[in-house]
């Protein structure tokens, strides 16, 4: 697989993993189950992507959307005092 295409695939996979982690974490909390259902549907949709057809523009939109989702869910985490999604920070 071409290096650039592999890089794009890793970036999509990263977005999928973050959404999966959030979904699993929120399913353990007392929140509206529709939120978890929507996250699961989003994760499933990303899994259907044909990585060979994803280009930089597509990936940009996926990453911007994932970051927006993280900002919005961050409000939920703070309001409900769920703490951090991950127990460690990157340096």
C-alpha atoms as a PDB file:
ATOM      1  CA  UNK A   1       0.000   0.000   0.000  1.00  0.00           C
ATOM      2  CA  UNK A   2       1.248   3.449  -0.884  1.00  0.00           C
ATOM      3  CA  UNK A   3       2.680   5.391   2.081  1.00  0.00           C
ATOM      4  CA  UNK A   4       0.363   8.380   1.609  1.00  0.00           C
ATOM      5  CA  UNK A   5      -2.712   6.152   1.377  1.00  0.00           C
ATOM      6  CA  UNK A   6      -1.597   4.243   4.480  1.00  0.00           C
ATOM      7  CA  UNK A   7      -1.257   7.554   6.313  1.00  0.00           C
ATOM      8  CA  UNK A   8      -4.811   8.500   5.356  1.00  0.00           C
ATOM      9  CA  UNK A   9      -6.071   5.122   6.523  1.00  0.00           C
ATOM     10  CA  UNK A  10      -4.338   5.503   9.888  1.00  0.00           C
ATOM     11  CA  UNK A  11      -5.942   8.918  10.358  1.00  0.00           C
ATOM     12  CA  UNK A  12      -9.424   7.544   9.611  1.00  0.00           C
ATOM     13  CA  UNK A  13      -8.743   4.623  11.950  1.00  0.00           C
ATOM     14  CA  UNK A  14      -7.715   7.080  14.657  1.00  0.00           C
ATOM     15  CA  UNK A  15     -11.048   8.905  14.370  1.00  0.00           C
ATOM     16  CA  UNK A  16     -12.875   5.575  14.541  1.00  0.00           C
ATOM     17  CA  UNK A  17     -10.967   4.544  17.655  1.00  0.00           C
ATOM     18  CA  UNK A  18     -11.705   7.796  19.471  1.00  0.00           C
ATOM     19  CA  UNK A  19     -15.405   7.483  18.666  1.00  0.00           C
ATOM     20  CA  UNK A  20     -15.331   3.868  19.854  1.00  0.00           C
ATOM     21  CA  UNK A  21     -13.636   4.841  23.136  1.00  0.00           C
ATOM     22  CA  UNK A  22     -16.174   7.602  23.750  1.00  0.00           C
ATOM     23  CA  UNK A  23     -19.062   5.272  22.957  1.00  0.00           C
ATOM     24  CA  UNK A  24     -17.826   2.593  25.353  1.00  0.00           C
ATOM     25  CA  UNK A  25     -17.167   5.127  28.095  1.00  0.00           C
ATOM     26  CA  UNK A  26     -20.558   6.807  27.761  1.00  0.00           C
ATOM     27  CA  UNK A  27     -22.384   3.468  27.665  1.00  0.00           C
ATOM     28  CA  UNK A  28     -21.045   2.891  31.194  1.00  0.00           C
ATOM     29  CA  UNK A  29     -22.423   6.244  32.388  1.00  0.00           C
ATOM     30  CA  UNK A  30     -25.996   7.268  33.171  1.00  0.00           C
ATOM     31  CA  UNK A  31     -26.817   9.215  30.008  1.00  0.00           C
ATOM     32  CA  UNK A  32     -29.495   9.153  27.366  1.00  0.00           C
ATOM     33  CA  UNK A  33     -28.954   5.882  25.454  1.00  0.00           C
ATOM     34  CA  UNK A  34     -29.709   7.690  22.183  1.00  0.00           C
ATOM     35  CA  UNK A  35     -26.331   9.420  22.453  1.00  0.00           C
ATOM     36  CA  UNK A  36     -24.537   6.080  22.632  1.00  0.00           C
ATOM     37  CA  UNK A  37     -26.696   4.714  19.784  1.00  0.00           C
ATOM     38  CA  UNK A  38     -25.796   7.687  17.577  1.00  0.00           C
ATOM     39  CA  UNK A  39     -22.087   7.252  18.327  1.00  0.00           C
ATOM     40  CA  UNK A  40     -22.343   3.575  17.447  1.00  0.00           C
ATOM     41  CA  UNK A  41     -24.041   4.412  14.146  1.00  0.00           C
ATOM     42  CA  UNK A  42     -21.305   6.942  13.374  1.00  0.00           C
ATOM     43  CA  UNK A  43     -18.609   4.388  14.131  1.00  0.00           C
ATOM     44  CA  UNK A  44     -20.346   1.855  11.867  1.00  0.00           C
ATOM     45  CA  UNK A  45     -20.569   4.397   9.046  1.00  0.00           C
ATOM     46  CA  UNK A  46     -16.857   5.139   9.293  1.00  0.00           C
ATOM     47  CA  UNK A  47     -16.160   1.399   9.167  1.00  0.00           C
ATOM     48  CA  UNK A  48     -17.893   1.240   5.765  1.00  0.00           C
ATOM     49  CA  UNK A  49     -15.482   3.745   4.213  1.00  0.00           C
ATOM     50  CA  UNK A  50     -13.353   2.396   1.430  1.00  0.00           C
ATOM     51  CA  UNK A  51      -9.960   3.665   2.551  1.00  0.00           C
ATOM     52  CA  UNK A  52      -8.659   3.471  -1.008  1.00  0.00           C
ATOM     53  CA  UNK A  53     -11.146   6.156  -2.069  1.00  0.00           C
ATOM     54  CA  UNK A  54     -10.555   8.590   0.815  1.00  0.00           C
ATOM     55  CA  UNK A  55      -8.637  11.722  -0.136  1.00  0.00           C
ATOM     56  CA  UNK A  56      -7.232  14.623   1.898  1.00  0.00           C
ATOM     57  CA  UNK A  57     -10.429  16.672   1.571  1.00  0.00           C
ATOM     58  CA  UNK A  58     -12.572  13.775   2.798  1.00  0.00           C
ATOM     59  CA  UNK A  59     -10.242  13.172   5.690  1.00  0.00           C
ATOM     60  CA  UNK A  60     -10.172  16.851   6.585  1.00  0.00           C
ATOM     61  CA  UNK A  61     -13.970  16.816   6.924  1.00  0.00           C
ATOM     62  CA  UNK A  62     -13.874  13.623   9.002  1.00  0.00           C
ATOM     63  CA  UNK A  63     -11.244  15.047  11.350  1.00  0.00           C
ATOM     64  CA  UNK A  64     -12.986  18.419  11.712  1.00  0.00           C
ATOM     65  CA  UNK A  65     -16.259  16.645  12.466  1.00  0.00           C
ATOM     66  CA  UNK A  66     -14.599  14.346  14.995  1.00  0.00           C
ATOM     67  CA  UNK A  67     -12.968  17.310  16.736  1.00  0.00           C
ATOM     68  CA  UNK A  68     -16.297  19.160  16.842  1.00  0.00           C
ATOM     69  CA  UNK A  69     -17.926  16.073  18.343  1.00  0.00           C
ATOM     70  CA  UNK A  70     -15.185  15.913  20.976  1.00  0.00           C
ATOM     71  CA  UNK A  71     -15.741  19.563  21.896  1.00  0.00           C
ATOM     72  CA  UNK A  72     -19.483  19.037  22.237  1.00  0.00           C
ATOM     73  CA  UNK A  73     -19.120  15.830  24.235  1.00  0.00           C
ATOM     74  CA  UNK A  74     -16.507  17.544  26.393  1.00  0.00           C
ATOM     75  CA  UNK A  75     -19.327  19.746  27.669  1.00  0.00           C
ATOM     76  CA  UNK A  76     -21.279  16.602  28.595  1.00  0.00           C
ATOM     77  CA  UNK A  77     -18.238  15.111  30.329  1.00  0.00           C
ATOM     78  CA  UNK A  78     -17.648  18.312  32.313  1.00  0.00           C
ATOM     79  CA  UNK A  79     -21.309  18.891  33.203  1.00  0.00           C
ATOM     80  CA  UNK A  80     -21.768  15.330  34.454  1.00  0.00           C
ATOM     81  CA  UNK A  81     -18.299  15.209  36.022  1.00  0.00           C
ATOM     82  CA  UNK A  82     -17.282  12.091  34.104  1.00  0.00           C
ATOM     83  CA  UNK A  83     -13.633  13.080  34.276  1.00  0.00           C
ATOM     84  CA  UNK A  84     -11.246  12.499  31.386  1.00  0.00           C
ATOM     85  CA  UNK A  85     -11.746   9.991  28.625  1.00  0.00           C
ATOM     86  CA  UNK A  86      -8.156   8.836  29.028  1.00  0.00           C
ATOM     87  CA  UNK A  87      -6.273   8.436  32.285  1.00  0.00           C
ATOM     88  CA  UNK A  88      -3.029   9.848  30.898  1.00  0.00           C
ATOM     89  CA  UNK A  89      -1.828  12.831  28.948  1.00  0.00           C
ATOM     90  CA  UNK A  90       0.533  12.936  26.005  1.00  0.00           C
ATOM     91  CA  UNK A  91       3.741  14.878  26.321  1.00  0.00           C
END
